Amino acid sequence: MRKLILIGFIVFGALAGLLSTSKEDWPTRVVMMAVGVLFALPVGVVLARIGKKGRPLDWDEQSLPGNSTSSKDLAANYWRDEGHPPFAKPGESENEMRRWDRNTTD
């Protein structure tokens, strides 16, 4: 059934290119048929879902281990990072603790 959908879109694209240049010479018709197929082929592939994998990956499987952004890494390093995400831990001094505050002296 998937191949039939794909072939149908290819034929539709070629037919649309042929009908749009019905009063032209044959080289122009062939070029327009190729352009019609070029535009109809991705639509047919998407609608036929050709190339689809068996099952989508889980979120945990897609993230690289150790990059400190997955929920497992954040949970494992919670006590080390004191609950802050990576690179967002405030510093120890007063200026570093307030570095993200808005300047209210304007």
PDB file of N, CA and C in Angstrom:
ATOM      1  N   MET A   1       0.821  -1.193   0.000  1.00  0.00           N
ATOM      2  CA  MET A   1       0.000   0.000   0.000  1.00  0.00           C
ATOM      3  C   MET A   1       0.870   1.265   0.000  1.00  0.00           C
ATOM      4  N   ARG A   2       2.007   1.214   0.716  1.00  0.00           N
ATOM      5  CA  ARG A   2       2.881   2.378   0.766  1.00  0.00           C
ATOM      6  C   ARG A   2       3.469   2.683  -0.606  1.00  0.00           C
ATOM      7  N   LYS A   3       3.873   1.638  -1.308  1.00  0.00           N
ATOM      8  CA  LYS A   3       4.448   1.848  -2.639  1.00  0.00           C
ATOM      9  C   LYS A   3       3.401   2.396  -3.599  1.00  0.00           C
ATOM     10  N   LEU A   4       2.171   1.972  -3.439  1.00  0.00           N
ATOM     11  CA  LEU A   4       1.095   2.462  -4.294  1.00  0.00           C
ATOM     12  C   LEU A   4       0.858   3.954  -4.066  1.00  0.00           C
ATOM     13  N   ILE A   5       0.908   4.387  -2.818  1.00  0.00           N
ATOM     14  CA  ILE A   5       0.753   5.814  -2.516  1.00  0.00           C
ATOM     15  C   ILE A   5       1.902   6.608  -3.128  1.00  0.00           C
ATOM     16  N   LEU A   6       3.117   6.089  -2.997  1.00  0.00           N
ATOM     17  CA  LEU A   6       4.284   6.781  -3.541  1.00  0.00           C
ATOM     18  C   LEU A   6       4.215   6.864  -5.061  1.00  0.00           C
ATOM     19  N   ILE A   7       3.859   5.765  -5.713  1.00  0.00           N
ATOM     20  CA  ILE A   7       3.747   5.757  -7.174  1.00  0.00           C
ATOM     21  C   ILE A   7       2.632   6.693  -7.628  1.00  0.00           C
ATOM     22  N   GLY A   8       1.544   6.739  -6.875  1.00  0.00           N
ATOM     23  CA  GLY A   8       0.449   7.652  -7.200  1.00  0.00           C
ATOM     24  C   GLY A   8       0.885   9.109  -7.166  1.00  0.00           C
ATOM     25  N   PHE A   9       1.679   9.484  -6.178  1.00  0.00           N
ATOM     26  CA  PHE A   9       2.153  10.865  -6.115  1.00  0.00           C
ATOM     27  C   PHE A   9       3.152  11.163  -7.222  1.00  0.00           C
ATOM     28  N   ILE A  10       3.974  10.181  -7.586  1.00  0.00           N
ATOM     29  CA  ILE A  10       4.906  10.391  -8.693  1.00  0.00           C
ATOM     30  C   ILE A  10       4.141  10.612  -9.986  1.00  0.00           C
ATOM     31  N   VAL A  11       3.127   9.796 -10.220  1.00  0.00           N
ATOM     32  CA  VAL A  11       2.310   9.949 -11.428  1.00  0.00           C
ATOM     33  C   VAL A  11       1.558  11.271 -11.404  1.00  0.00           C
ATOM     34  N   PHE A  12       1.045  11.641 -10.237  1.00  0.00           N
ATOM     35  CA  PHE A  12       0.337  12.911 -10.121  1.00  0.00           C
ATOM     36  C   PHE A  12       1.255  14.092 -10.443  1.00  0.00           C
ATOM     37  N   GLY A  13       2.489  14.063  -9.945  1.00  0.00           N
ATOM     38  CA  GLY A  13       3.435  15.141 -10.229  1.00  0.00           C
ATOM     39  C   GLY A  13       3.786  15.214 -11.702  1.00  0.00           C
ATOM     40  N   ALA A  14       3.998  14.044 -12.331  1.00  0.00           N
ATOM     41  CA  ALA A  14       4.309  14.032 -13.758  1.00  0.00           C
ATOM     42  C   ALA A  14       3.110  14.512 -14.575  1.00  0.00           C
ATOM     43  N   LEU A  15       1.926  14.104 -14.190  1.00  0.00           N
ATOM     44  CA  LEU A  15       0.716  14.524 -14.903  1.00  0.00           C
ATOM     45  C   LEU A  15       0.477  16.027 -14.737  1.00  0.00           C
ATOM     46  N   ALA A  16       0.739  16.550 -13.560  1.00  0.00           N
ATOM     47  CA  ALA A  16       0.576  17.993 -13.353  1.00  0.00           C
ATOM     48  C   ALA A  16       1.567  18.773 -14.210  1.00  0.00           C
ATOM     49  N   GLY A  17       2.802  18.289 -14.315  1.00  0.00           N
ATOM     50  CA  GLY A  17       3.782  18.940 -15.175  1.00  0.00           C
ATOM     51  C   GLY A  17       3.410  18.847 -16.645  1.00  0.00           C
ATOM     52  N   LEU A  18       2.857  17.715 -17.047  1.00  0.00           N
ATOM     53  CA  LEU A  18       2.441  17.534 -18.440  1.00  0.00           C
ATOM     54  C   LEU A  18       1.257  18.432 -18.786  1.00  0.00           C
ATOM     55  N   LEU A  19       0.279  18.502 -17.889  1.00  0.00           N
ATOM     56  CA  LEU A  19      -0.906  19.316 -18.167  1.00  0.00           C
ATOM     57  C   LEU A  19      -0.607  20.813 -18.131  1.00  0.00           C
ATOM     58  N   SER A  20       0.390  21.209 -17.332  1.00  0.00           N
ATOM     59  CA  SER A  20       0.693  22.637 -17.267  1.00  0.00           C
ATOM     60  C   SER A  20       1.389  23.136 -18.531  1.00  0.00           C
ATOM     61  N   THR A  21       1.957  22.223 -19.319  1.00  0.00           N
ATOM     62  CA  THR A  21       2.638  22.603 -20.568  1.00  0.00           C
ATOM     63  C   THR A  21       2.066  21.838 -21.744  1.00  0.00           C
ATOM     64  N   SER A  22       0.748  21.760 -21.820  1.00  0.00           N
ATOM     65  CA  SER A  22       0.119  20.941 -22.859  1.00  0.00           C
ATOM     66  C   SER A  22       0.319  21.503 -24.275  1.00  0.00           C
ATOM     67  N   LYS A  23       0.591  22.782 -24.406  1.00  0.00           N
ATOM     68  CA  LYS A  23       0.739  23.380 -25.735  1.00  0.00           C
ATOM     69  C   LYS A  23       2.187  23.717 -26.061  1.00  0.00           C
ATOM     70  N   GLU A  24       3.123  23.137 -25.338  1.00  0.00           N
ATOM     71  CA  GLU A  24       4.547  23.386 -25.558  1.00  0.00           C
ATOM     72  C   GLU A  24       5.171  22.217 -26.301  1.00  0.00           C
ATOM     73  N   ASP A  25       6.453  22.340 -26.631  1.00  0.00           N
ATOM     74  CA  ASP A  25       7.146  21.246 -27.302  1.00  0.00           C
ATOM     75  C   ASP A  25       7.539  20.170 -26.274  1.00  0.00           C
ATOM     76  N   TRP A  26       7.974  18.999 -26.770  1.00  0.00           N
ATOM     77  CA  TRP A  26       8.217  17.855 -25.886  1.00  0.00           C
ATOM     78  C   TRP A  26       9.387  18.042 -24.923  1.00  0.00           C
ATOM     79  N   PRO A  27      10.479  18.667 -25.287  1.00  0.00           N
ATOM     80  CA  PRO A  27      11.516  18.867 -24.265  1.00  0.00           C
ATOM     81  C   PRO A  27      11.040  19.699 -23.074  1.00  0.00           C
ATOM     82  N   THR A  28      10.212  20.700 -23.329  1.00  0.00           N
ATOM     83  CA  THR A  28       9.663  21.500 -22.243  1.00  0.00           C
ATOM     84  C   THR A  28       8.714  20.669 -21.392  1.00  0.00           C
ATOM     85  N   ARG A  29       7.921  19.814 -22.039  1.00  0.00           N
ATOM     86  CA  ARG A  29       7.008  18.941 -21.303  1.00  0.00           C
ATOM     87  C   ARG A  29       7.776  17.977 -20.395  1.00  0.00           C
ATOM     88  N   VAL A  30       8.864  17.417 -20.921  1.00  0.00           N
ATOM     89  CA  VAL A  30       9.647  16.466 -20.128  1.00  0.00           C
ATOM     90  C   VAL A  30      10.274  17.161 -18.923  1.00  0.00           C
ATOM     91  N   VAL A  31      10.788  18.367 -19.122  1.00  0.00           N
ATOM     92  CA  VAL A  31      11.385  19.116 -18.006  1.00  0.00           C
ATOM     93  C   VAL A  31      10.326  19.437 -16.960  1.00  0.00           C
ATOM     94  N   MET A  32       9.162  19.860 -17.390  1.00  0.00           N
ATOM     95  CA  MET A  32       8.102  20.186 -16.436  1.00  0.00           C
ATOM     96  C   MET A  32       7.569  18.936 -15.738  1.00  0.00           C
ATOM     97  N   MET A  33       7.556  17.809 -16.422  1.00  0.00           N
ATOM     98  CA  MET A  33       7.164  16.560 -15.767  1.00  0.00           C
ATOM     99  C   MET A  33       8.180  16.195 -14.683  1.00  0.00           C
ATOM    100  N   ALA A  34       9.459  16.403 -14.978  1.00  0.00           N
ATOM    101  CA  ALA A  34      10.499  16.122 -13.979  1.00  0.00           C
ATOM    102  C   ALA A  34      10.372  17.058 -12.782  1.00  0.00           C
ATOM    103  N   VAL A  35      10.059  18.306 -13.033  1.00  0.00           N
ATOM    104  CA  VAL A  35       9.859  19.259 -11.934  1.00  0.00           C
ATOM    105  C   VAL A  35       8.648  18.859 -11.101  1.00  0.00           C
ATOM    106  N   GLY A  36       7.584  18.417 -11.754  1.00  0.00           N
ATOM    107  CA  GLY A  36       6.403  17.957 -11.026  1.00  0.00           C
ATOM    108  C   GLY A  36       6.707  16.750 -10.156  1.00  0.00           C
ATOM    109  N   VAL A  37       7.497  15.819 -10.691  1.00  0.00           N
ATOM    110  CA  VAL A  37       7.890  14.658  -9.898  1.00  0.00           C
ATOM    111  C   VAL A  37       8.784  15.088  -8.745  1.00  0.00           C
ATOM    112  N   LEU A  38       9.664  16.049  -8.996  1.00  0.00           N
ATOM    113  CA  LEU A  38      10.574  16.536  -7.957  1.00  0.00           C
ATOM    114  C   LEU A  38       9.817  17.134  -6.774  1.00  0.00           C
ATOM    115  N   PHE A  39       8.715  17.809  -7.035  1.00  0.00           N
ATOM    116  CA  PHE A  39       7.933  18.392  -5.956  1.00  0.00           C
ATOM    117  C   PHE A  39       6.966  17.386  -5.330  1.00  0.00           C
ATOM    118  N   ALA A  40       6.484  16.424  -6.087  1.00  0.00           N
ATOM    119  CA  ALA A  40       5.509  15.469  -5.561  1.00  0.00           C
ATOM    120  C   ALA A  40       6.171  14.321  -4.807  1.00  0.00           C
ATOM    121  N   LEU A  41       7.423  14.013  -5.120  1.00  0.00           N
ATOM    122  CA  LEU A  41       8.095  12.881  -4.491  1.00  0.00           C
ATOM    123  C   LEU A  41       8.256  13.040  -2.976  1.00  0.00           C
ATOM    124  N   PRO A  42       8.733  14.169  -2.452  1.00  0.00           N
ATOM    125  CA  PRO A  42       8.824  14.275  -0.986  1.00  0.00           C
ATOM    126  C   PRO A  42       7.470  14.187  -0.287  1.00  0.00           C
ATOM    127  N   VAL A  43       6.442  14.725  -0.917  1.00  0.00           N
ATOM    128  CA  VAL A  43       5.107  14.643  -0.313  1.00  0.00           C
ATOM    129  C   VAL A  43       4.652  13.190  -0.259  1.00  0.00           C
ATOM    130  N   GLY A  44       4.893  12.453  -1.323  1.00  0.00           N
ATOM    131  CA  GLY A  44       4.528  11.039  -1.344  1.00  0.00           C
ATOM    132  C   GLY A  44       5.312  10.225  -0.332  1.00  0.00           C
ATOM    133  N   VAL A  45       6.590  10.541  -0.168  1.00  0.00           N
ATOM    134  CA  VAL A  45       7.411   9.808   0.797  1.00  0.00           C
ATOM    135  C   VAL A  45       6.928  10.080   2.214  1.00  0.00           C
ATOM    136  N   VAL A  46       6.598  11.317   2.513  1.00  0.00           N
ATOM    137  CA  VAL A  46       6.122  11.650   3.856  1.00  0.00           C
ATOM    138  C   VAL A  46       4.774  10.995   4.124  1.00  0.00           C
ATOM    139  N   LEU A  47       3.866  11.066   3.169  1.00  0.00           N
ATOM    140  CA  LEU A  47       2.542  10.484   3.385  1.00  0.00           C
ATOM    141  C   LEU A  47       2.571   8.960   3.398  1.00  0.00           C
ATOM    142  N   ALA A  48       3.493   8.355   2.672  1.00  0.00           N
ATOM    143  CA  ALA A  48       3.611   6.902   2.686  1.00  0.00           C
ATOM    144  C   ALA A  48       4.453   6.424   3.859  1.00  0.00           C
ATOM    145  N   ARG A  49       5.116   7.347   4.530  1.00  0.00           N
ATOM    146  CA  ARG A  49       5.978   7.057   5.680  1.00  0.00           C
ATOM    147  C   ARG A  49       7.052   6.035   5.337  1.00  0.00           C
ATOM    148  N   ILE A  50       7.660   6.216   4.196  1.00  0.00           N
ATOM    149  CA  ILE A  50       8.752   5.345   3.786  1.00  0.00           C
ATOM    150  C   ILE A  50      10.011   5.808   4.504  1.00  0.00           C
ATOM    151  N   GLY A  51      10.762   4.876   5.034  1.00  0.00           N
ATOM    152  CA  GLY A  51      11.970   5.194   5.761  1.00  0.00           C
ATOM    153  C   GLY A  51      11.738   5.398   7.239  1.00  0.00           C
ATOM    154  N   LYS A  52      10.550   5.110   7.719  1.00  0.00           N
ATOM    155  CA  LYS A  52      10.242   5.270   9.129  1.00  0.00           C
ATOM    156  C   LYS A  52      10.861   4.117   9.909  1.00  0.00           C
ATOM    157  N   LYS A  53      11.447   4.433  11.028  1.00  0.00           N
ATOM    158  CA  LYS A  53      12.060   3.421  11.871  1.00  0.00           C
ATOM    159  C   LYS A  53      10.981   2.633  12.592  1.00  0.00           C
ATOM    160  N   GLY A  54      11.397   1.532  13.189  1.00  0.00           N
ATOM    161  CA  GLY A  54      10.460   0.661  13.888  1.00  0.00           C
ATOM    162  C   GLY A  54       9.783   1.326  15.062  1.00  0.00           C
ATOM    163  N   ARG A  55      10.569   1.954  15.944  1.00  0.00           N
ATOM    164  CA  ARG A  55       9.991   2.647  17.092  1.00  0.00           C
ATOM    165  C   ARG A  55      10.829   3.883  17.382  1.00  0.00           C
ATOM    166  N   PRO A  56      10.219   4.938  17.840  1.00  0.00           N
ATOM    167  CA  PRO A  56      11.001   6.141  18.160  1.00  0.00           C
ATOM    168  C   PRO A  56      11.825   5.913  19.423  1.00  0.00           C
ATOM    169  N   LEU A  57      12.945   6.597  19.525  1.00  0.00           N
ATOM    170  CA  LEU A  57      13.789   6.495  20.698  1.00  0.00           C
ATOM    171  C   LEU A  57      13.181   7.261  21.860  1.00  0.00           C
ATOM    172  N   ASP A  58      13.446   6.780  23.062  1.00  0.00           N
ATOM    173  CA  ASP A  58      13.013   7.497  24.244  1.00  0.00           C
ATOM    174  C   ASP A  58      13.886   8.732  24.417  1.00  0.00           C
ATOM    175  N   TRP A  59      13.425   9.661  25.231  1.00  0.00           N
ATOM    176  CA  TRP A  59      14.194  10.874  25.462  1.00  0.00           C
ATOM    177  C   TRP A  59      15.532  10.554  26.109  1.00  0.00           C
ATOM    178  N   ASP A  60      15.545   9.566  27.005  1.00  0.00           N
ATOM    179  CA  ASP A  60      16.788   9.228  27.684  1.00  0.00           C
ATOM    180  C   ASP A  60      17.797   8.624  26.720  1.00  0.00           C
ATOM    181  N   GLU A  61      17.331   7.897  25.718  1.00  0.00           N
ATOM    182  CA  GLU A  61      18.242   7.276  24.771  1.00  0.00           C
ATOM    183  C   GLU A  61      18.797   8.276  23.767  1.00  0.00           C
ATOM    184  N   GLN A  62      18.100   9.381  23.540  1.00  0.00           N
ATOM    185  CA  GLN A  62      18.559  10.354  22.551  1.00  0.00           C
ATOM    186  C   GLN A  62      19.649  11.259  23.100  1.00  0.00           C
ATOM    187  N   SER A  63      19.629  11.542  24.373  1.00  0.00           N
ATOM    188  CA  SER A  63      20.644  12.436  24.916  1.00  0.00           C
ATOM    189  C   SER A  63      21.916  11.645  25.196  1.00  0.00           C
ATOM    190  N   LEU A  64      23.015  12.299  25.038  1.00  0.00           N
ATOM    191  CA  LEU A  64      24.293  11.643  25.270  1.00  0.00           C
ATOM    192  C   LEU A  64      24.539  11.522  26.772  1.00  0.00           C
ATOM    193  N   PRO A  65      25.017  10.379  27.223  1.00  0.00           N
ATOM    194  CA  PRO A  65      25.286  10.262  28.662  1.00  0.00           C
ATOM    195  C   PRO A  65      26.487  11.111  29.047  1.00  0.00           C
ATOM    196  N   GLY A  66      26.388  11.753  30.180  1.00  0.00           N
ATOM    197  CA  GLY A  66      27.491  12.547  30.684  1.00  0.00           C
ATOM    198  C   GLY A  66      27.514  13.985  30.223  1.00  0.00           C
ATOM    199  N   ASN A  67      26.514  14.439  29.459  1.00  0.00           N
ATOM    200  CA  ASN A  67      26.529  15.836  29.033  1.00  0.00           C
ATOM    201  C   ASN A  67      25.827  16.743  30.035  1.00  0.00           C
ATOM    202  N   SER A  68      25.418  16.185  31.163  1.00  0.00           N
ATOM    203  CA  SER A  68      24.860  16.907  32.312  1.00  0.00           C
ATOM    204  C   SER A  68      23.533  17.574  32.028  1.00  0.00           C
ATOM    205  N   THR A  69      22.843  17.194  30.989  1.00  0.00           N
ATOM    206  CA  THR A  69      21.543  17.799  30.735  1.00  0.00           C
ATOM    207  C   THR A  69      20.405  16.792  30.824  1.00  0.00           C
ATOM    208  N   SER A  70      20.710  15.510  30.841  1.00  0.00           N
ATOM    209  CA  SER A  70      19.625  14.537  30.958  1.00  0.00           C
ATOM    210  C   SER A  70      19.154  14.493  32.408  1.00  0.00           C
ATOM    211  N   SER A  71      17.956  14.005  32.600  1.00  0.00           N
ATOM    212  CA  SER A  71      17.410  13.962  33.957  1.00  0.00           C
ATOM    213  C   SER A  71      18.205  13.009  34.838  1.00  0.00           C
ATOM    214  N   LYS A  72      18.759  11.952  34.242  1.00  0.00           N
ATOM    215  CA  LYS A  72      19.574  11.028  35.031  1.00  0.00           C
ATOM    216  C   LYS A  72      20.857  11.704  35.518  1.00  0.00           C
ATOM    217  N   ASP A  73      21.495  12.486  34.644  1.00  0.00           N
ATOM    218  CA  ASP A  73      22.718  13.176  35.045  1.00  0.00           C
ATOM    219  C   ASP A  73      22.434  14.247  36.093  1.00  0.00           C
ATOM    220  N   LEU A  74      21.329  14.972  35.928  1.00  0.00           N
ATOM    221  CA  LEU A  74      20.987  15.994  36.919  1.00  0.00           C
ATOM    222  C   LEU A  74      20.694  15.360  38.274  1.00  0.00           C
ATOM    223  N   ALA A  75      20.027  14.206  38.276  1.00  0.00           N
ATOM    224  CA  ALA A  75      19.736  13.525  39.537  1.00  0.00           C
ATOM    225  C   ALA A  75      21.004  12.966  40.168  1.00  0.00           C
ATOM    226  N   ALA A  76      21.909  12.449  39.341  1.00  0.00           N
ATOM    227  CA  ALA A  76      23.145  11.873  39.875  1.00  0.00           C
ATOM    228  C   ALA A  76      24.056  12.944  40.462  1.00  0.00           C
ATOM    229  N   ASN A  77      24.037  14.131  39.919  1.00  0.00           N
ATOM    230  CA  ASN A  77      24.938  15.199  40.361  1.00  0.00           C
ATOM    231  C   ASN A  77      24.225  16.264  41.188  1.00  0.00           C
ATOM    232  N   TYR A  78      23.063  15.937  41.735  1.00  0.00           N
ATOM    233  CA  TYR A  78      22.275  16.927  42.471  1.00  0.00           C
ATOM    234  C   TYR A  78      23.038  17.477  43.668  1.00  0.00           C
ATOM    235  N   TRP A  79      23.659  16.618  44.443  1.00  0.00           N
ATOM    236  CA  TRP A  79      24.337  17.078  45.660  1.00  0.00           C
ATOM    237  C   TRP A  79      25.611  17.826  45.325  1.00  0.00           C
ATOM    238  N   ARG A  80      26.287  17.442  44.264  1.00  0.00           N
ATOM    239  CA  ARG A  80      27.505  18.153  43.876  1.00  0.00           C
ATOM    240  C   ARG A  80      27.168  19.558  43.373  1.00  0.00           C
ATOM    241  N   ASP A  81      26.111  19.663  42.564  1.00  0.00           N
ATOM    242  CA  ASP A  81      25.736  20.943  41.961  1.00  0.00           C
ATOM    243  C   ASP A  81      24.781  21.745  42.824  1.00  0.00           C
ATOM    244  N   GLU A  82      24.389  21.206  43.972  1.00  0.00           N
ATOM    245  CA  GLU A  82      23.469  21.854  44.906  1.00  0.00           C
ATOM    246  C   GLU A  82      22.159  22.252  44.243  1.00  0.00           C
ATOM    247  N   GLY A  83      21.683  21.442  43.339  1.00  0.00           N
ATOM    248  CA  GLY A  83      20.390  21.661  42.716  1.00  0.00           C
ATOM    249  C   GLY A  83      20.381  22.622  41.557  1.00  0.00           C
ATOM    250  N   HIS A  84      21.516  23.197  41.194  1.00  0.00           N
ATOM    251  CA  HIS A  84      21.586  24.145  40.083  1.00  0.00           C
ATOM    252  C   HIS A  84      21.921  23.414  38.791  1.00  0.00           C
ATOM    253  N   PRO A  85      21.355  23.856  37.666  1.00  0.00           N
ATOM    254  CA  PRO A  85      21.747  23.256  36.388  1.00  0.00           C
ATOM    255  C   PRO A  85      23.206  23.586  36.068  1.00  0.00           C
ATOM    256  N   PRO A  86      23.821  22.863  35.138  1.00  0.00           N
ATOM    257  CA  PRO A  86      25.221  23.126  34.823  1.00  0.00           C
ATOM    258  C   PRO A  86      25.441  24.559  34.340  1.00  0.00           C
ATOM    259  N   PHE A  87      26.539  25.142  34.755  1.00  0.00           N
ATOM    260  CA  PHE A  87      26.972  26.489  34.377  1.00  0.00           C
ATOM    261  C   PHE A  87      26.021  27.588  34.851  1.00  0.00           C
ATOM    262  N   ALA A  88      25.142  27.295  35.779  1.00  0.00           N
ATOM    263  CA  ALA A  88      24.222  28.314  36.285  1.00  0.00           C
ATOM    264  C   ALA A  88      24.336  28.469  37.795  1.00  0.00           C
ATOM    265  N   LYS A  89      25.323  27.833  38.391  1.00  0.00           N
ATOM    266  CA  LYS A  89      25.493  27.938  39.833  1.00  0.00           C
ATOM    267  C   LYS A  89      26.049  29.313  40.175  1.00  0.00           C
ATOM    268  N   PRO A  90      25.404  30.044  41.080  1.00  0.00           N
ATOM    269  CA  PRO A  90      25.924  31.363  41.433  1.00  0.00           C
ATOM    270  C   PRO A  90      27.229  31.235  42.206  1.00  0.00           C
ATOM    271  N   GLY A  91      28.041  32.257  42.113  1.00  0.00           N
ATOM    272  CA  GLY A  91      29.322  32.258  42.805  1.00  0.00           C
ATOM    273  C   GLY A  91      29.173  32.505  44.291  1.00  0.00           C
ATOM    274  N   GLU A  92      30.321  32.603  44.956  1.00  0.00           N
ATOM    275  CA  GLU A  92      30.327  32.763  46.401  1.00  0.00           C
ATOM    276  C   GLU A  92      30.247  34.232  46.824  1.00  0.00           C
ATOM    277  N   SER A  93      30.762  35.146  45.996  1.00  0.00           N
ATOM    278  CA  SER A  93      30.786  36.554  46.409  1.00  0.00           C
ATOM    279  C   SER A  93      29.433  37.213  46.149  1.00  0.00           C
ATOM    280  N   GLU A  94      29.247  38.373  46.756  1.00  0.00           N
ATOM    281  CA  GLU A  94      27.977  39.097  46.619  1.00  0.00           C
ATOM    282  C   GLU A  94      27.749  39.547  45.186  1.00  0.00           C
ATOM    283  N   ASN A  95      28.808  39.993  44.493  1.00  0.00           N
ATOM    284  CA  ASN A  95      28.651  40.446  43.114  1.00  0.00           C
ATOM    285  C   ASN A  95      28.259  39.301  42.181  1.00  0.00           C
ATOM    286  N   GLU A  96      28.851  38.148  42.383  1.00  0.00           N
ATOM    287  CA  GLU A  96      28.514  37.008  41.526  1.00  0.00           C
ATOM    288  C   GLU A  96      27.127  36.483  41.819  1.00  0.00           C
ATOM    289  N   MET A  97      26.665  36.605  43.046  1.00  0.00           N
ATOM    290  CA  MET A  97      25.328  36.130  43.375  1.00  0.00           C
ATOM    291  C   MET A  97      24.263  37.034  42.746  1.00  0.00           C
ATOM    292  N   ARG A  98      24.595  38.279  42.500  1.00  0.00           N
ATOM    293  CA  ARG A  98      23.642  39.234  41.951  1.00  0.00           C
ATOM    294  C   ARG A  98      23.881  39.518  40.470  1.00  0.00           C
ATOM    295  N   ARG A  99      24.708  38.750  39.796  1.00  0.00           N
ATOM    296  CA  ARG A  99      25.068  39.082  38.420  1.00  0.00           C
ATOM    297  C   ARG A  99      23.906  38.952  37.437  1.00  0.00           C
ATOM    298  N   TRP A 100      22.901  38.177  37.754  1.00  0.00           N
ATOM    299  CA  TRP A 100      21.776  38.014  36.832  1.00  0.00           C
ATOM    300  C   TRP A 100      20.606  38.928  37.174  1.00  0.00           C
ATOM    301  N   ASP A 101      20.740  39.671  38.266  1.00  0.00           N
ATOM    302  CA  ASP A 101      19.671  40.604  38.630  1.00  0.00           C
ATOM    303  C   ASP A 101      19.670  41.781  37.662  1.00  0.00           C
ATOM    304  N   ARG A 102      18.521  42.389  37.484  1.00  0.00           N
ATOM    305  CA  ARG A 102      18.415  43.567  36.620  1.00  0.00           C
ATOM    306  C   ARG A 102      19.019  44.766  37.332  1.00  0.00           C
ATOM    307  N   ASN A 103      19.606  45.617  36.542  1.00  0.00           N
ATOM    308  CA  ASN A 103      20.172  46.838  37.091  1.00  0.00           C
ATOM    309  C   ASN A 103      19.043  47.817  37.376  1.00  0.00           C
ATOM    310  N   THR A 104      18.829  48.121  38.634  1.00  0.00           N
ATOM    311  CA  THR A 104      17.704  48.990  39.004  1.00  0.00           C
ATOM    312  C   THR A 104      18.126  50.437  39.177  1.00  0.00           C
ATOM    313  N   THR A 105      19.358  50.783  38.814  1.00  0.00           N
ATOM    314  CA  THR A 105      19.808  52.161  38.982  1.00  0.00           C
ATOM    315  C   THR A 105      19.518  53.018  37.759  1.00  0.00           C
ATOM    316  N   ASP A 106      18.787  52.506  36.793  1.00  0.00           N
ATOM    317  CA  ASP A 106      18.492  53.267  35.564  1.00  0.00           C
ATOM    318  C   ASP A 106      17.567  54.418  35.849  1.00  0.00           C
TER     319      ASP A 106
END
